[in-house]
Amino acid sequence: MAGRTPKPTALKLLQGNPGHRPLNKREPKPKPGSAPCPRWLSAEAQVAWKRLRRVLEDMGVLTVADHGAMVLYCQAWALFRQAVETVDTEGITIEMPNGRIARHPGCTIIRETTDTMHKIGVQFGLTPASRTRLMTNKPVDDTDDIAEFLNIGRGGK
C-alpha cells in the first residue's frame, strides 16, 4: 500500500479534521490488554515479550489485537540477539570455500531483524518520532519533565 500511513480518526477529530475528508466512524477499537506469551517462543523472545508488554501497557497502547505483532517483534529480537552474539564470536566476515572473503550471514540476519523491529516498533510508538503520532486514553501527567530535569541539574530536589 503506497502513500502515507493514515491518521487515526481520534487524531483527526482532535485536529479539527483539517483535510475535511469523511471520518471513519466504524474504525475498529480493540479492547486494551494482551494475550499470554506463547510458550513456544524462545527464552530470549519470552523475556522480550515481558519487557515489551510492560512498556506498551504503561504507554496505554497495547490491545488484544496486537498479539501477532508482539510475537513478530519478540521473535525478531531473539534472532537479532543470537545473530549479534554469533557475529561477535565469529567476526563480520567469513572465508568462502573458493577462498573469497564474504560478509558473515549473521550480518544479513541482523539487518533484516532490525528492519522488522523498527517497522513494528513504529506502529507501537517505540521510537521518539512515532510517539508524537500516537494517542491513548491514558490521562496525561501534568508534570513538566524537562523543567523537572533541568531543576535537578541545578541543585534542585
N, C-alpha and C. Protein backbone atom coordinates (compact mmCIF):
# COMPACT_ATOMS: atom_id res chain seq x y z
N MET A 1 0.84 -1.17 0.00
CA MET A 1 0.00 0.00 0.00
C MET A 1 0.89 1.24 0.00
N ALA A 2 0.78 2.07 -1.02
CA ALA A 2 1.61 3.26 -1.14
C ALA A 2 0.98 4.44 -0.42
N GLY A 3 1.81 5.45 -0.16
CA GLY A 3 1.30 6.67 0.45
C GLY A 3 1.54 6.72 1.94
N ARG A 4 1.05 7.79 2.53
CA ARG A 4 1.21 7.99 3.96
C ARG A 4 0.38 7.01 4.77
N THR A 5 0.86 6.75 5.98
CA THR A 5 0.08 5.95 6.91
C THR A 5 -1.11 6.79 7.35
N PRO A 6 -2.33 6.24 7.28
CA PRO A 6 -3.50 7.03 7.66
C PRO A 6 -3.47 7.44 9.13
N LYS A 7 -3.99 8.63 9.41
CA LYS A 7 -4.10 9.10 10.79
C LYS A 7 -5.31 8.43 11.43
N PRO A 8 -5.18 8.09 12.72
CA PRO A 8 -6.35 7.56 13.42
C PRO A 8 -7.47 8.61 13.46
N THR A 9 -8.71 8.16 13.44
CA THR A 9 -9.85 9.06 13.47
C THR A 9 -9.82 9.97 14.68
N ALA A 10 -9.44 9.45 15.83
CA ALA A 10 -9.40 10.27 17.04
C ALA A 10 -8.45 11.45 16.88
N LEU A 11 -7.33 11.23 16.21
CA LEU A 11 -6.36 12.30 15.99
C LEU A 11 -6.93 13.35 15.03
N LYS A 12 -7.61 12.89 13.98
CA LYS A 12 -8.25 13.83 13.06
C LYS A 12 -9.26 14.70 13.79
N LEU A 13 -10.03 14.09 14.68
CA LEU A 13 -11.03 14.85 15.43
C LEU A 13 -10.38 15.90 16.31
N LEU A 14 -9.31 15.54 16.98
CA LEU A 14 -8.62 16.50 17.84
C LEU A 14 -8.06 17.67 17.04
N GLN A 15 -7.65 17.41 15.82
CA GLN A 15 -7.08 18.46 14.97
C GLN A 15 -8.15 19.22 14.19
N GLY A 16 -9.42 18.88 14.40
CA GLY A 16 -10.49 19.57 13.70
C GLY A 16 -10.69 19.09 12.27
N ASN A 17 -10.21 17.89 11.95
CA ASN A 17 -10.30 17.31 10.61
C ASN A 17 -9.86 18.31 9.55
N PRO A 18 -8.56 18.70 9.57
CA PRO A 18 -8.08 19.74 8.66
C PRO A 18 -8.26 19.41 7.18
N GLY A 19 -8.25 18.15 6.81
CA GLY A 19 -8.41 17.77 5.40
C GLY A 19 -9.86 17.73 4.96
N HIS A 20 -10.80 17.84 5.89
CA HIS A 20 -12.25 17.82 5.62
C HIS A 20 -12.69 16.58 4.86
N ARG A 21 -11.93 15.50 5.03
CA ARG A 21 -12.33 14.24 4.41
C ARG A 21 -13.29 13.53 5.35
N PRO A 22 -14.11 12.63 4.82
CA PRO A 22 -15.04 11.91 5.70
C PRO A 22 -14.28 11.11 6.75
N LEU A 23 -14.79 11.12 7.97
CA LEU A 23 -14.17 10.38 9.06
C LEU A 23 -14.66 8.94 9.07
N ASN A 24 -13.79 8.04 9.48
CA ASN A 24 -14.15 6.63 9.57
C ASN A 24 -14.88 6.41 10.89
N LYS A 25 -16.20 6.37 10.82
CA LYS A 25 -17.00 6.19 12.04
C LYS A 25 -17.04 4.74 12.49
N ARG A 26 -16.50 3.85 11.67
CA ARG A 26 -16.52 2.42 12.00
C ARG A 26 -15.11 1.88 12.23
N GLU A 27 -14.18 2.77 12.60
CA GLU A 27 -12.81 2.35 12.87
C GLU A 27 -12.79 1.38 14.05
N PRO A 28 -12.15 0.23 13.90
CA PRO A 28 -12.12 -0.74 15.00
C PRO A 28 -11.42 -0.18 16.23
N LYS A 29 -11.95 -0.53 17.39
CA LYS A 29 -11.35 -0.12 18.66
C LYS A 29 -11.20 -1.36 19.54
N PRO A 30 -10.08 -2.09 19.38
CA PRO A 30 -9.89 -3.30 20.18
C PRO A 30 -9.79 -2.98 21.67
N LYS A 31 -10.13 -3.98 22.48
CA LYS A 31 -10.05 -3.81 23.93
C LYS A 31 -8.59 -3.71 24.38
N PRO A 32 -8.33 -2.90 25.40
CA PRO A 32 -6.97 -2.88 25.96
C PRO A 32 -6.63 -4.25 26.55
N GLY A 33 -5.34 -4.57 26.57
CA GLY A 33 -4.90 -5.84 27.15
C GLY A 33 -4.07 -6.62 26.16
N SER A 34 -3.70 -7.83 26.57
CA SER A 34 -2.92 -8.69 25.69
C SER A 34 -3.15 -10.14 26.04
N ALA A 35 -2.81 -10.99 25.09
CA ALA A 35 -2.88 -12.43 25.31
C ALA A 35 -1.63 -12.86 26.06
N PRO A 36 -1.65 -14.03 26.68
CA PRO A 36 -0.44 -14.51 27.34
C PRO A 36 0.67 -14.79 26.34
N CYS A 37 1.89 -14.73 26.83
CA CYS A 37 3.06 -15.01 26.00
C CYS A 37 3.01 -16.46 25.51
N PRO A 38 3.17 -16.69 24.21
CA PRO A 38 3.17 -18.07 23.71
C PRO A 38 4.32 -18.88 24.31
N ARG A 39 4.03 -20.08 24.74
CA ARG A 39 5.05 -20.94 25.36
C ARG A 39 6.11 -21.38 24.37
N TRP A 40 5.77 -21.41 23.09
CA TRP A 40 6.71 -21.89 22.08
C TRP A 40 7.76 -20.87 21.71
N LEU A 41 7.62 -19.61 22.16
CA LEU A 41 8.67 -18.63 21.89
C LEU A 41 9.94 -19.02 22.63
N SER A 42 11.07 -18.68 22.07
CA SER A 42 12.35 -18.98 22.73
C SER A 42 12.43 -18.21 24.05
N ALA A 43 13.34 -18.62 24.90
CA ALA A 43 13.50 -17.95 26.21
C ALA A 43 13.80 -16.47 26.02
N GLU A 44 14.66 -16.12 25.07
CA GLU A 44 15.00 -14.72 24.81
C GLU A 44 13.79 -13.94 24.34
N ALA A 45 12.97 -14.55 23.47
CA ALA A 45 11.77 -13.89 22.97
C ALA A 45 10.75 -13.71 24.10
N GLN A 46 10.68 -14.65 25.02
CA GLN A 46 9.76 -14.53 26.16
C GLN A 46 10.18 -13.39 27.08
N VAL A 47 11.47 -13.21 27.27
CA VAL A 47 11.97 -12.08 28.08
C VAL A 47 11.59 -10.78 27.38
N ALA A 48 11.77 -10.72 26.07
CA ALA A 48 11.40 -9.53 25.31
C ALA A 48 9.89 -9.26 25.41
N TRP A 49 9.10 -10.33 25.37
CA TRP A 49 7.64 -10.21 25.48
C TRP A 49 7.26 -9.53 26.80
N LYS A 50 7.84 -10.02 27.89
CA LYS A 50 7.51 -9.45 29.20
C LYS A 50 7.90 -7.98 29.28
N ARG A 51 9.06 -7.64 28.75
CA ARG A 51 9.53 -6.26 28.76
C ARG A 51 8.64 -5.38 27.88
N LEU A 52 8.38 -5.84 26.66
CA LEU A 52 7.57 -5.07 25.72
C LEU A 52 6.14 -4.91 26.24
N ARG A 53 5.60 -5.96 26.79
CA ARG A 53 4.23 -5.89 27.31
C ARG A 53 4.12 -4.82 28.39
N ARG A 54 5.09 -4.80 29.30
CA ARG A 54 5.08 -3.79 30.38
C ARG A 54 5.15 -2.37 29.81
N VAL A 55 6.05 -2.17 28.85
CA VAL A 55 6.24 -0.85 28.25
C VAL A 55 4.96 -0.41 27.54
N LEU A 56 4.38 -1.28 26.72
CA LEU A 56 3.19 -0.92 25.96
C LEU A 56 1.97 -0.72 26.85
N GLU A 57 1.87 -1.51 27.92
CA GLU A 57 0.77 -1.30 28.87
C GLU A 57 0.92 0.04 29.56
N ASP A 58 2.15 0.38 29.98
CA ASP A 58 2.39 1.67 30.62
C ASP A 58 2.06 2.83 29.69
N MET A 59 2.32 2.65 28.39
CA MET A 59 2.03 3.70 27.41
C MET A 59 0.53 3.77 27.10
N GLY A 60 -0.20 2.71 27.42
CA GLY A 60 -1.63 2.68 27.13
C GLY A 60 -1.96 2.36 25.69
N VAL A 61 -1.07 1.67 24.98
CA VAL A 61 -1.32 1.38 23.57
C VAL A 61 -1.55 -0.10 23.28
N LEU A 62 -1.36 -0.96 24.25
CA LEU A 62 -1.48 -2.40 24.00
C LEU A 62 -2.94 -2.84 23.99
N THR A 63 -3.32 -3.55 22.93
CA THR A 63 -4.68 -4.10 22.84
C THR A 63 -4.61 -5.59 22.54
N VAL A 64 -5.76 -6.25 22.67
CA VAL A 64 -5.82 -7.68 22.40
C VAL A 64 -5.54 -7.99 20.93
N ALA A 65 -5.66 -7.01 20.06
CA ALA A 65 -5.41 -7.22 18.63
C ALA A 65 -3.93 -7.21 18.28
N ASP A 66 -3.07 -6.91 19.24
CA ASP A 66 -1.64 -6.74 18.97
C ASP A 66 -0.81 -8.00 19.17
N HIS A 67 -1.44 -9.12 19.44
CA HIS A 67 -0.74 -10.36 19.77
C HIS A 67 0.26 -10.75 18.66
N GLY A 68 -0.19 -10.79 17.42
CA GLY A 68 0.68 -11.21 16.32
C GLY A 68 1.88 -10.29 16.14
N ALA A 69 1.64 -8.99 16.22
CA ALA A 69 2.74 -8.03 16.07
C ALA A 69 3.75 -8.18 17.20
N MET A 70 3.26 -8.45 18.40
CA MET A 70 4.18 -8.66 19.53
C MET A 70 5.00 -9.92 19.32
N VAL A 71 4.39 -10.98 18.83
CA VAL A 71 5.11 -12.23 18.56
C VAL A 71 6.22 -11.96 17.54
N LEU A 72 5.88 -11.26 16.45
CA LEU A 72 6.87 -10.97 15.42
C LEU A 72 8.02 -10.13 15.96
N TYR A 73 7.70 -9.11 16.75
CA TYR A 73 8.72 -8.23 17.31
C TYR A 73 9.64 -9.03 18.24
N CYS A 74 9.06 -9.80 19.12
CA CYS A 74 9.86 -10.53 20.11
C CYS A 74 10.72 -11.62 19.46
N GLN A 75 10.17 -12.28 18.45
CA GLN A 75 10.94 -13.30 17.74
C GLN A 75 12.09 -12.65 16.97
N ALA A 76 11.82 -11.48 16.37
CA ALA A 76 12.88 -10.76 15.67
C ALA A 76 13.97 -10.34 16.66
N TRP A 77 13.56 -9.91 17.86
CA TRP A 77 14.54 -9.52 18.89
C TRP A 77 15.43 -10.71 19.25
N ALA A 78 14.81 -11.87 19.45
CA ALA A 78 15.58 -13.05 19.83
C ALA A 78 16.57 -13.44 18.73
N LEU A 79 16.13 -13.40 17.48
CA LEU A 79 17.02 -13.73 16.36
C LEU A 79 18.12 -12.68 16.23
N PHE A 80 17.79 -11.42 16.44
CA PHE A 80 18.77 -10.34 16.42
C PHE A 80 19.87 -10.60 17.45
N ARG A 81 19.46 -10.91 18.68
CA ARG A 81 20.44 -11.16 19.75
C ARG A 81 21.34 -12.33 19.40
N GLN A 82 20.74 -13.41 18.88
CA GLN A 82 21.53 -14.59 18.52
C GLN A 82 22.52 -14.25 17.40
N ALA A 83 22.06 -13.51 16.39
CA ALA A 83 22.95 -13.14 15.28
C ALA A 83 24.08 -12.23 15.75
N VAL A 84 23.77 -11.29 16.64
CA VAL A 84 24.81 -10.39 17.16
C VAL A 84 25.87 -11.19 17.92
N GLU A 85 25.43 -12.10 18.76
CA GLU A 85 26.38 -12.92 19.53
C GLU A 85 27.24 -13.78 18.59
N THR A 86 26.63 -14.33 17.55
CA THR A 86 27.37 -15.16 16.59
C THR A 86 28.41 -14.33 15.85
N VAL A 87 28.01 -13.16 15.36
CA VAL A 87 28.94 -12.30 14.62
C VAL A 87 30.03 -11.79 15.55
N ASP A 88 29.69 -11.47 16.80
CA ASP A 88 30.71 -11.05 17.76
C ASP A 88 31.76 -12.14 17.97
N THR A 89 31.32 -13.38 17.98
CA THR A 89 32.23 -14.50 18.21
C THR A 89 33.02 -14.86 16.96
N GLU A 90 32.35 -14.93 15.81
CA GLU A 90 32.96 -15.42 14.58
C GLU A 90 33.54 -14.33 13.68
N GLY A 91 33.19 -13.08 13.93
CA GLY A 91 33.66 -11.98 13.08
C GLY A 91 32.65 -11.61 12.02
N ILE A 92 32.85 -10.43 11.41
CA ILE A 92 31.87 -9.96 10.43
C ILE A 92 32.11 -10.51 9.03
N THR A 93 33.22 -11.20 8.84
CA THR A 93 33.48 -11.81 7.54
C THR A 93 33.76 -13.30 7.72
N ILE A 94 33.54 -14.03 6.64
CA ILE A 94 33.86 -15.46 6.61
C ILE A 94 34.64 -15.75 5.33
N GLU A 95 35.41 -16.83 5.36
CA GLU A 95 36.12 -17.24 4.16
C GLU A 95 35.28 -18.31 3.46
N MET A 96 34.99 -18.06 2.19
CA MET A 96 34.19 -18.98 1.39
C MET A 96 35.07 -20.15 0.95
N PRO A 97 34.47 -21.28 0.52
CA PRO A 97 35.27 -22.42 0.06
C PRO A 97 36.23 -22.07 -1.08
N ASN A 98 35.89 -21.07 -1.90
CA ASN A 98 36.76 -20.68 -3.02
C ASN A 98 37.85 -19.71 -2.57
N GLY A 99 37.93 -19.40 -1.26
CA GLY A 99 38.95 -18.52 -0.72
C GLY A 99 38.53 -17.05 -0.65
N ARG A 100 37.39 -16.73 -1.25
CA ARG A 100 36.92 -15.35 -1.24
C ARG A 100 36.40 -14.99 0.16
N ILE A 101 36.60 -13.74 0.56
CA ILE A 101 36.10 -13.25 1.85
C ILE A 101 34.72 -12.64 1.62
N ALA A 102 33.76 -13.01 2.43
CA ALA A 102 32.39 -12.50 2.29
C ALA A 102 31.86 -12.06 3.65
N ARG A 103 30.82 -11.29 3.61
CA ARG A 103 30.16 -10.86 4.83
C ARG A 103 29.54 -12.08 5.52
N HIS A 104 29.63 -12.10 6.83
CA HIS A 104 29.04 -13.19 7.61
C HIS A 104 27.52 -13.17 7.41
N PRO A 105 26.90 -14.33 7.20
CA PRO A 105 25.44 -14.37 7.03
C PRO A 105 24.69 -13.77 8.22
N GLY A 106 25.30 -13.78 9.39
CA GLY A 106 24.67 -13.18 10.56
C GLY A 106 24.45 -11.69 10.38
N CYS A 107 25.29 -11.03 9.57
CA CYS A 107 25.11 -9.59 9.31
C CYS A 107 23.79 -9.34 8.59
N THR A 108 23.43 -10.23 7.68
CA THR A 108 22.15 -10.11 6.97
C THR A 108 20.99 -10.31 7.93
N ILE A 109 21.13 -11.27 8.82
CA ILE A 109 20.08 -11.52 9.81
C ILE A 109 19.93 -10.31 10.72
N ILE A 110 21.03 -9.71 11.12
CA ILE A 110 20.98 -8.51 11.96
C ILE A 110 20.22 -7.40 11.23
N ARG A 111 20.55 -7.17 9.97
CA ARG A 111 19.88 -6.11 9.21
C ARG A 111 18.38 -6.40 9.04
N GLU A 112 18.04 -7.63 8.71
CA GLU A 112 16.63 -7.98 8.49
C GLU A 112 15.82 -7.88 9.78
N THR A 113 16.40 -8.33 10.89
CA THR A 113 15.65 -8.28 12.15
C THR A 113 15.52 -6.85 12.67
N THR A 114 16.54 -6.02 12.46
CA THR A 114 16.41 -4.62 12.89
C THR A 114 15.36 -3.91 12.04
N ASP A 115 15.28 -4.23 10.76
CA ASP A 115 14.24 -3.65 9.91
C ASP A 115 12.86 -4.06 10.42
N THR A 116 12.70 -5.34 10.74
CA THR A 116 11.43 -5.83 11.26
C THR A 116 11.07 -5.15 12.56
N MET A 117 12.03 -5.10 13.49
CA MET A 117 11.75 -4.47 14.79
C MET A 117 11.42 -3.00 14.63
N HIS A 118 12.10 -2.32 13.71
CA HIS A 118 11.81 -0.90 13.50
C HIS A 118 10.39 -0.70 12.96
N LYS A 119 10.02 -1.47 11.96
CA LYS A 119 8.68 -1.34 11.36
C LYS A 119 7.59 -1.61 12.39
N ILE A 120 7.75 -2.65 13.17
CA ILE A 120 6.74 -2.96 14.19
C ILE A 120 6.82 -1.95 15.33
N GLY A 121 8.04 -1.59 15.71
CA GLY A 121 8.22 -0.63 16.80
C GLY A 121 7.57 0.70 16.51
N VAL A 122 7.63 1.17 15.26
CA VAL A 122 6.99 2.43 14.88
C VAL A 122 5.48 2.32 15.10
N GLN A 123 4.91 1.19 14.75
CA GLN A 123 3.47 1.01 14.92
C GLN A 123 3.07 1.06 16.40
N PHE A 124 3.94 0.59 17.27
CA PHE A 124 3.67 0.60 18.70
C PHE A 124 4.11 1.90 19.39
N GLY A 125 4.76 2.79 18.65
CA GLY A 125 5.24 4.03 19.27
C GLY A 125 6.52 3.84 20.05
N LEU A 126 7.39 2.95 19.60
CA LEU A 126 8.63 2.66 20.32
C LEU A 126 9.81 3.52 19.87
N THR A 127 9.56 4.48 18.99
CA THR A 127 10.61 5.44 18.62
C THR A 127 10.12 6.84 19.02
N PRO A 128 11.05 7.74 19.30
CA PRO A 128 10.63 9.09 19.72
C PRO A 128 9.70 9.76 18.71
N ALA A 129 10.01 9.67 17.42
CA ALA A 129 9.17 10.32 16.41
C ALA A 129 7.80 9.68 16.32
N SER A 130 7.74 8.36 16.40
CA SER A 130 6.44 7.70 16.26
C SER A 130 5.53 7.96 17.46
N ARG A 131 6.10 8.22 18.62
CA ARG A 131 5.27 8.51 19.80
C ARG A 131 4.50 9.82 19.64
N THR A 132 5.04 10.74 18.85
CA THR A 132 4.33 12.01 18.66
C THR A 132 3.05 11.82 17.87
N ARG A 133 2.92 10.70 17.18
CA ARG A 133 1.73 10.45 16.36
C ARG A 133 0.70 9.58 17.06
N LEU A 134 1.02 9.09 18.25
CA LEU A 134 0.10 8.19 18.95
C LEU A 134 -0.80 8.95 19.91
N MET A 135 -1.97 8.39 20.12
CA MET A 135 -2.89 8.91 21.13
C MET A 135 -3.37 7.73 21.95
N THR A 136 -3.58 7.96 23.21
CA THR A 136 -4.11 6.92 24.08
C THR A 136 -5.23 7.51 24.92
N ASN A 137 -5.91 6.65 25.64
CA ASN A 137 -6.95 7.10 26.55
C ASN A 137 -6.40 7.34 27.95
N LYS A 138 -5.10 7.12 28.13
CA LYS A 138 -4.49 7.34 29.43
C LYS A 138 -4.41 8.83 29.72
N PRO A 139 -4.64 9.23 30.98
CA PRO A 139 -4.52 10.65 31.31
C PRO A 139 -3.07 11.11 31.18
N VAL A 140 -2.90 12.35 30.79
CA VAL A 140 -1.57 12.92 30.64
C VAL A 140 -1.08 13.40 31.99
N ASP A 141 0.18 13.11 32.30
CA ASP A 141 0.80 13.58 33.54
C ASP A 141 1.08 15.06 33.40
N ASP A 142 0.61 15.85 34.37
CA ASP A 142 0.75 17.31 34.28
C ASP A 142 2.14 17.82 34.60
N THR A 143 3.02 16.98 35.11
CA THR A 143 4.35 17.47 35.47
C THR A 143 5.15 17.76 34.22
N ASP A 144 5.96 18.77 34.29
CA ASP A 144 6.82 19.14 33.17
C ASP A 144 8.16 18.44 33.37
N ASP A 145 8.35 17.32 32.67
CA ASP A 145 9.55 16.50 32.85
C ASP A 145 10.83 17.26 32.53
N ILE A 146 10.81 18.09 31.50
CA ILE A 146 12.02 18.82 31.12
C ILE A 146 12.39 19.82 32.21
N ALA A 147 11.38 20.58 32.68
CA ALA A 147 11.66 21.55 33.74
C ALA A 147 12.15 20.84 35.00
N GLU A 148 11.55 19.72 35.30
CA GLU A 148 11.96 18.95 36.48
C GLU A 148 13.40 18.47 36.31
N PHE A 149 13.75 17.99 35.12
CA PHE A 149 15.10 17.53 34.85
C PHE A 149 16.10 18.68 34.98
N LEU A 150 15.77 19.82 34.39
CA LEU A 150 16.66 20.97 34.46
C LEU A 150 16.83 21.47 35.90
N ASN A 151 15.78 21.41 36.67
CA ASN A 151 15.85 21.81 38.06
C ASN A 151 16.78 20.89 38.86
N ILE A 152 16.71 19.60 38.58
CA ILE A 152 17.59 18.65 39.25
C ILE A 152 19.05 18.95 38.91
N GLY A 153 19.30 19.31 37.66
CA GLY A 153 20.65 19.61 37.22
C GLY A 153 21.22 20.87 37.87
N ARG A 154 20.36 21.71 38.43
CA ARG A 154 20.83 22.96 39.05
C ARG A 154 20.84 22.88 40.56
N GLY A 155 20.85 21.70 41.07
CA GLY A 155 20.93 21.54 42.54
C GLY A 155 19.56 21.50 43.19
N GLY A 156 18.50 21.51 42.41
CA GLY A 156 17.15 21.40 42.98
C GLY A 156 16.89 19.98 43.41
N LYS A 157 15.84 19.76 44.11
CA LYS A 157 15.38 18.43 44.61
C LYS A 157 16.53 17.62 45.08
